[in-house]
Amino acid sequence: MLAAFQRMSNGVLALLGEDSFLRDSEPCRVNIEHGVQTIGSDGETVVDRSIATISSTMTPKVGDRLVHPDGIYRLDAETANSGVNKRFILLPLEV
């Protein structure tokens, strides 16, 4: 069953993602959504963030550098892990 979800996820990233490099040299497809509203740690503040969706097969982790057509980022905080994909808040390093 997991293999079916991985194939589906890879298909979605193939369509929606863009060619990128994780850790500067590992090619991958990444989907970035800009302007995603997240709630701050105080439970009240709403902040717009950029969120990246990356295949778990790439073993992304907090602190990794991501080179994407939209800019260069650091994976700042993991927000979701489905076992197939991971989602991270991005910290822009360069635009």
N, C-alpha and C. Protein backbone atom coordinates (compact mmCIF):
# COMPACT_ATOMS: atom_id res chain seq x y z
N MET A 1 0.82 -1.19 0.00
CA MET A 1 0.00 0.00 0.00
C MET A 1 0.86 1.26 0.00
N LEU A 2 1.95 1.25 0.77
CA LEU A 2 2.84 2.41 0.82
C LEU A 2 3.42 2.69 -0.57
N ALA A 3 3.74 1.63 -1.31
CA ALA A 3 4.30 1.81 -2.65
C ALA A 3 3.33 2.56 -3.56
N ALA A 4 2.03 2.27 -3.42
CA ALA A 4 1.02 2.95 -4.23
C ALA A 4 0.98 4.44 -3.89
N PHE A 5 1.06 4.78 -2.61
CA PHE A 5 1.07 6.18 -2.21
C PHE A 5 2.34 6.88 -2.68
N GLN A 6 3.47 6.18 -2.66
CA GLN A 6 4.72 6.77 -3.15
C GLN A 6 4.63 7.06 -4.64
N ARG A 7 4.07 6.14 -5.42
CA ARG A 7 3.92 6.37 -6.86
C ARG A 7 3.00 7.57 -7.12
N MET A 8 1.90 7.64 -6.38
CA MET A 8 0.96 8.75 -6.54
C MET A 8 1.66 10.07 -6.18
N SER A 9 2.37 10.09 -5.07
CA SER A 9 3.06 11.29 -4.62
C SER A 9 4.12 11.73 -5.63
N ASN A 10 4.87 10.76 -6.15
CA ASN A 10 5.89 11.09 -7.15
C ASN A 10 5.25 11.69 -8.39
N GLY A 11 4.07 11.20 -8.77
CA GLY A 11 3.35 11.75 -9.91
C GLY A 11 2.92 13.18 -9.67
N VAL A 12 2.44 13.46 -8.47
CA VAL A 12 2.01 14.82 -8.13
C VAL A 12 3.21 15.76 -8.13
N LEU A 13 4.33 15.33 -7.52
CA LEU A 13 5.52 16.19 -7.51
C LEU A 13 6.08 16.37 -8.92
N ALA A 14 5.93 15.36 -9.78
CA ALA A 14 6.39 15.49 -11.16
C ALA A 14 5.59 16.57 -11.89
N LEU A 15 4.30 16.68 -11.57
CA LEU A 15 3.44 17.69 -12.21
C LEU A 15 3.56 19.07 -11.58
N LEU A 16 3.53 19.11 -10.25
CA LEU A 16 3.49 20.40 -9.54
C LEU A 16 4.85 20.90 -9.09
N GLY A 17 5.79 19.99 -8.91
CA GLY A 17 7.10 20.38 -8.41
C GLY A 17 7.98 20.97 -9.49
N GLU A 18 9.08 21.54 -9.06
CA GLU A 18 10.08 22.09 -9.98
C GLU A 18 11.42 21.45 -9.68
N ASP A 19 12.26 21.37 -10.72
CA ASP A 19 13.59 20.80 -10.54
C ASP A 19 14.36 21.64 -9.53
N SER A 20 14.93 20.98 -8.54
CA SER A 20 15.64 21.65 -7.46
C SER A 20 16.83 20.81 -7.06
N PHE A 21 17.61 21.34 -6.13
CA PHE A 21 18.74 20.60 -5.56
C PHE A 21 18.66 20.67 -4.05
N LEU A 22 18.65 19.51 -3.42
CA LEU A 22 18.67 19.42 -1.96
C LEU A 22 20.11 19.22 -1.54
N ARG A 23 20.54 19.91 -0.50
CA ARG A 23 21.92 19.84 -0.02
C ARG A 23 22.90 20.21 -1.15
N ASP A 24 22.47 21.13 -2.02
CA ASP A 24 23.26 21.71 -3.12
C ASP A 24 23.58 20.77 -4.27
N SER A 25 23.48 19.46 -4.10
CA SER A 25 23.92 18.58 -5.19
C SER A 25 22.98 17.43 -5.51
N GLU A 26 21.94 17.22 -4.71
CA GLU A 26 21.03 16.09 -4.94
C GLU A 26 19.79 16.57 -5.70
N PRO A 27 19.67 16.21 -6.99
CA PRO A 27 18.52 16.66 -7.76
C PRO A 27 17.21 16.06 -7.25
N CYS A 28 16.17 16.86 -7.22
CA CYS A 28 14.86 16.40 -6.76
C CYS A 28 13.78 17.32 -7.32
N ARG A 29 12.53 16.92 -7.15
CA ARG A 29 11.39 17.75 -7.52
C ARG A 29 10.77 18.25 -6.22
N VAL A 30 10.56 19.56 -6.14
CA VAL A 30 10.03 20.17 -4.92
C VAL A 30 8.89 21.11 -5.29
N ASN A 31 7.81 21.04 -4.54
CA ASN A 31 6.70 21.98 -4.70
C ASN A 31 6.78 22.99 -3.56
N ILE A 32 6.83 24.27 -3.92
CA ILE A 32 6.83 25.33 -2.91
C ILE A 32 5.53 26.12 -3.03
N GLU A 33 4.89 26.34 -1.89
CA GLU A 33 3.69 27.17 -1.81
C GLU A 33 4.07 28.41 -1.01
N HIS A 34 3.88 29.57 -1.60
CA HIS A 34 4.18 30.83 -0.92
C HIS A 34 2.90 31.41 -0.32
N GLY A 35 3.03 32.11 0.79
CA GLY A 35 1.89 32.78 1.40
C GLY A 35 0.96 31.85 2.18
N VAL A 36 1.49 30.72 2.64
CA VAL A 36 0.69 29.80 3.44
C VAL A 36 0.58 30.38 4.85
N GLN A 37 -0.63 30.53 5.35
CA GLN A 37 -0.82 31.10 6.67
C GLN A 37 -0.63 30.03 7.73
N THR A 38 0.27 30.32 8.68
CA THR A 38 0.52 29.41 9.80
C THR A 38 0.28 30.16 11.09
N ILE A 39 -0.03 29.43 12.14
CA ILE A 39 -0.28 30.03 13.44
C ILE A 39 0.99 29.95 14.27
N GLY A 40 1.36 31.06 14.88
CA GLY A 40 2.56 31.13 15.69
C GLY A 40 2.46 30.30 16.96
N SER A 41 3.56 30.20 17.68
CA SER A 41 3.62 29.38 18.89
C SER A 41 2.71 29.91 20.00
N ASP A 42 2.33 31.20 19.90
CA ASP A 42 1.43 31.75 20.91
C ASP A 42 -0.03 31.35 20.67
N GLY A 43 -0.28 30.70 19.52
CA GLY A 43 -1.63 30.25 19.20
C GLY A 43 -2.55 31.33 18.66
N GLU A 44 -2.02 32.54 18.51
CA GLU A 44 -2.86 33.64 18.05
C GLU A 44 -2.31 34.35 16.83
N THR A 45 -1.01 34.46 16.73
CA THR A 45 -0.39 35.19 15.63
C THR A 45 -0.47 34.37 14.34
N VAL A 46 -0.87 35.01 13.25
CA VAL A 46 -0.92 34.37 11.94
C VAL A 46 0.19 34.97 11.09
N VAL A 47 1.00 34.09 10.50
CA VAL A 47 2.16 34.52 9.72
C VAL A 47 2.12 33.83 8.36
N ASP A 48 2.45 34.57 7.30
CA ASP A 48 2.57 33.97 5.98
C ASP A 48 3.96 33.35 5.83
N ARG A 49 4.00 32.12 5.38
CA ARG A 49 5.25 31.38 5.21
C ARG A 49 5.31 30.73 3.83
N SER A 50 6.50 30.36 3.44
CA SER A 50 6.69 29.52 2.26
C SER A 50 6.91 28.10 2.76
N ILE A 51 6.18 27.15 2.15
CA ILE A 51 6.22 25.76 2.58
C ILE A 51 6.67 24.89 1.40
N ALA A 52 7.62 24.00 1.65
CA ALA A 52 8.11 23.08 0.61
C ALA A 52 7.61 21.67 0.91
N THR A 53 7.20 20.98 -0.16
CA THR A 53 6.84 19.56 -0.07
C THR A 53 7.93 18.79 -0.82
N ILE A 54 8.56 17.83 -0.10
CA ILE A 54 9.70 17.08 -0.64
C ILE A 54 9.45 15.60 -0.36
N SER A 55 9.79 14.75 -1.31
CA SER A 55 9.65 13.31 -1.13
C SER A 55 10.51 12.84 0.04
N SER A 56 9.95 11.97 0.87
CA SER A 56 10.69 11.42 2.00
C SER A 56 11.88 10.57 1.55
N THR A 57 11.84 10.08 0.31
CA THR A 57 12.97 9.28 -0.19
C THR A 57 14.25 10.11 -0.29
N MET A 58 14.12 11.42 -0.30
CA MET A 58 15.29 12.31 -0.34
C MET A 58 15.88 12.52 1.04
N THR A 59 15.25 11.98 2.07
CA THR A 59 15.64 12.14 3.48
C THR A 59 15.93 13.61 3.85
N PRO A 60 14.98 14.50 3.54
CA PRO A 60 15.19 15.90 3.91
C PRO A 60 15.13 16.07 5.43
N LYS A 61 15.89 17.03 5.94
CA LYS A 61 15.86 17.30 7.38
C LYS A 61 16.08 18.79 7.63
N VAL A 62 15.67 19.22 8.79
CA VAL A 62 15.83 20.62 9.18
C VAL A 62 17.30 21.01 9.06
N GLY A 63 17.53 22.16 8.48
CA GLY A 63 18.89 22.66 8.29
C GLY A 63 19.43 22.43 6.89
N ASP A 64 18.81 21.52 6.13
CA ASP A 64 19.27 21.27 4.76
C ASP A 64 19.07 22.52 3.92
N ARG A 65 19.96 22.69 2.95
CA ARG A 65 19.88 23.80 2.01
C ARG A 65 19.13 23.33 0.76
N LEU A 66 18.24 24.17 0.24
CA LEU A 66 17.44 23.86 -0.93
C LEU A 66 17.65 24.95 -1.98
N VAL A 67 18.09 24.53 -3.16
CA VAL A 67 18.24 25.46 -4.29
C VAL A 67 17.06 25.20 -5.23
N HIS A 68 16.22 26.19 -5.38
CA HIS A 68 14.95 26.07 -6.13
C HIS A 68 14.88 27.26 -7.11
N PRO A 69 14.15 27.15 -8.21
CA PRO A 69 14.03 28.29 -9.12
C PRO A 69 13.51 29.57 -8.44
N ASP A 70 12.76 29.43 -7.34
CA ASP A 70 12.25 30.60 -6.62
C ASP A 70 13.29 31.24 -5.71
N GLY A 71 14.39 30.55 -5.42
CA GLY A 71 15.42 31.10 -4.54
C GLY A 71 16.18 30.00 -3.82
N ILE A 72 17.03 30.42 -2.91
CA ILE A 72 17.81 29.49 -2.10
C ILE A 72 17.30 29.57 -0.67
N TYR A 73 17.03 28.41 -0.08
CA TYR A 73 16.37 28.34 1.22
C TYR A 73 17.08 27.36 2.14
N ARG A 74 16.76 27.51 3.43
CA ARG A 74 17.12 26.50 4.43
C ARG A 74 15.81 25.91 4.94
N LEU A 75 15.78 24.58 5.09
CA LEU A 75 14.60 23.94 5.67
C LEU A 75 14.60 24.28 7.15
N ASP A 76 13.64 25.10 7.57
CA ASP A 76 13.67 25.69 8.90
C ASP A 76 12.93 24.88 9.95
N ALA A 77 11.76 24.33 9.61
CA ALA A 77 10.98 23.56 10.58
C ALA A 77 10.09 22.58 9.82
N GLU A 78 10.05 21.34 10.29
CA GLU A 78 9.18 20.36 9.66
C GLU A 78 7.75 20.58 10.16
N THR A 79 6.81 20.64 9.22
CA THR A 79 5.42 20.87 9.61
C THR A 79 4.55 19.64 9.43
N ALA A 80 4.97 18.70 8.59
CA ALA A 80 4.19 17.48 8.37
C ALA A 80 5.09 16.38 7.81
N ASN A 81 4.73 15.14 8.16
CA ASN A 81 5.45 13.98 7.65
C ASN A 81 4.42 12.87 7.45
N SER A 82 4.08 12.62 6.19
CA SER A 82 3.09 11.58 5.88
C SER A 82 3.72 10.21 5.74
N GLY A 83 5.05 10.15 5.81
CA GLY A 83 5.76 8.91 5.55
C GLY A 83 6.15 8.81 4.08
N VAL A 84 5.45 9.55 3.23
CA VAL A 84 5.73 9.59 1.79
C VAL A 84 6.36 10.93 1.43
N ASN A 85 5.81 12.01 1.98
CA ASN A 85 6.31 13.37 1.78
C ASN A 85 6.56 14.02 3.13
N LYS A 86 7.47 15.00 3.11
CA LYS A 86 7.66 15.86 4.26
C LYS A 86 7.44 17.28 3.82
N ARG A 87 6.88 18.09 4.73
CA ARG A 87 6.65 19.51 4.46
C ARG A 87 7.46 20.33 5.46
N PHE A 88 8.09 21.39 4.95
CA PHE A 88 8.96 22.22 5.76
C PHE A 88 8.64 23.69 5.55
N ILE A 89 8.74 24.48 6.63
CA ILE A 89 8.76 25.93 6.52
C ILE A 89 10.13 26.30 5.99
N LEU A 90 10.17 27.24 5.04
CA LEU A 90 11.43 27.63 4.43
C LEU A 90 11.91 28.98 4.97
N LEU A 91 13.20 29.07 5.17
CA LEU A 91 13.85 30.32 5.53
C LEU A 91 14.65 30.77 4.32
N PRO A 92 14.29 31.92 3.69
CA PRO A 92 15.03 32.35 2.52
C PRO A 92 16.46 32.73 2.86
N LEU A 93 17.40 32.24 2.07
CA LEU A 93 18.80 32.61 2.22
C LEU A 93 19.19 33.64 1.17
N GLU A 94 18.68 33.43 -0.06
CA GLU A 94 18.91 34.35 -1.17
C GLU A 94 17.68 34.30 -2.06
N VAL A 95 17.42 35.39 -2.77
CA VAL A 95 16.28 35.40 -3.69
C VAL A 95 16.79 35.60 -5.10
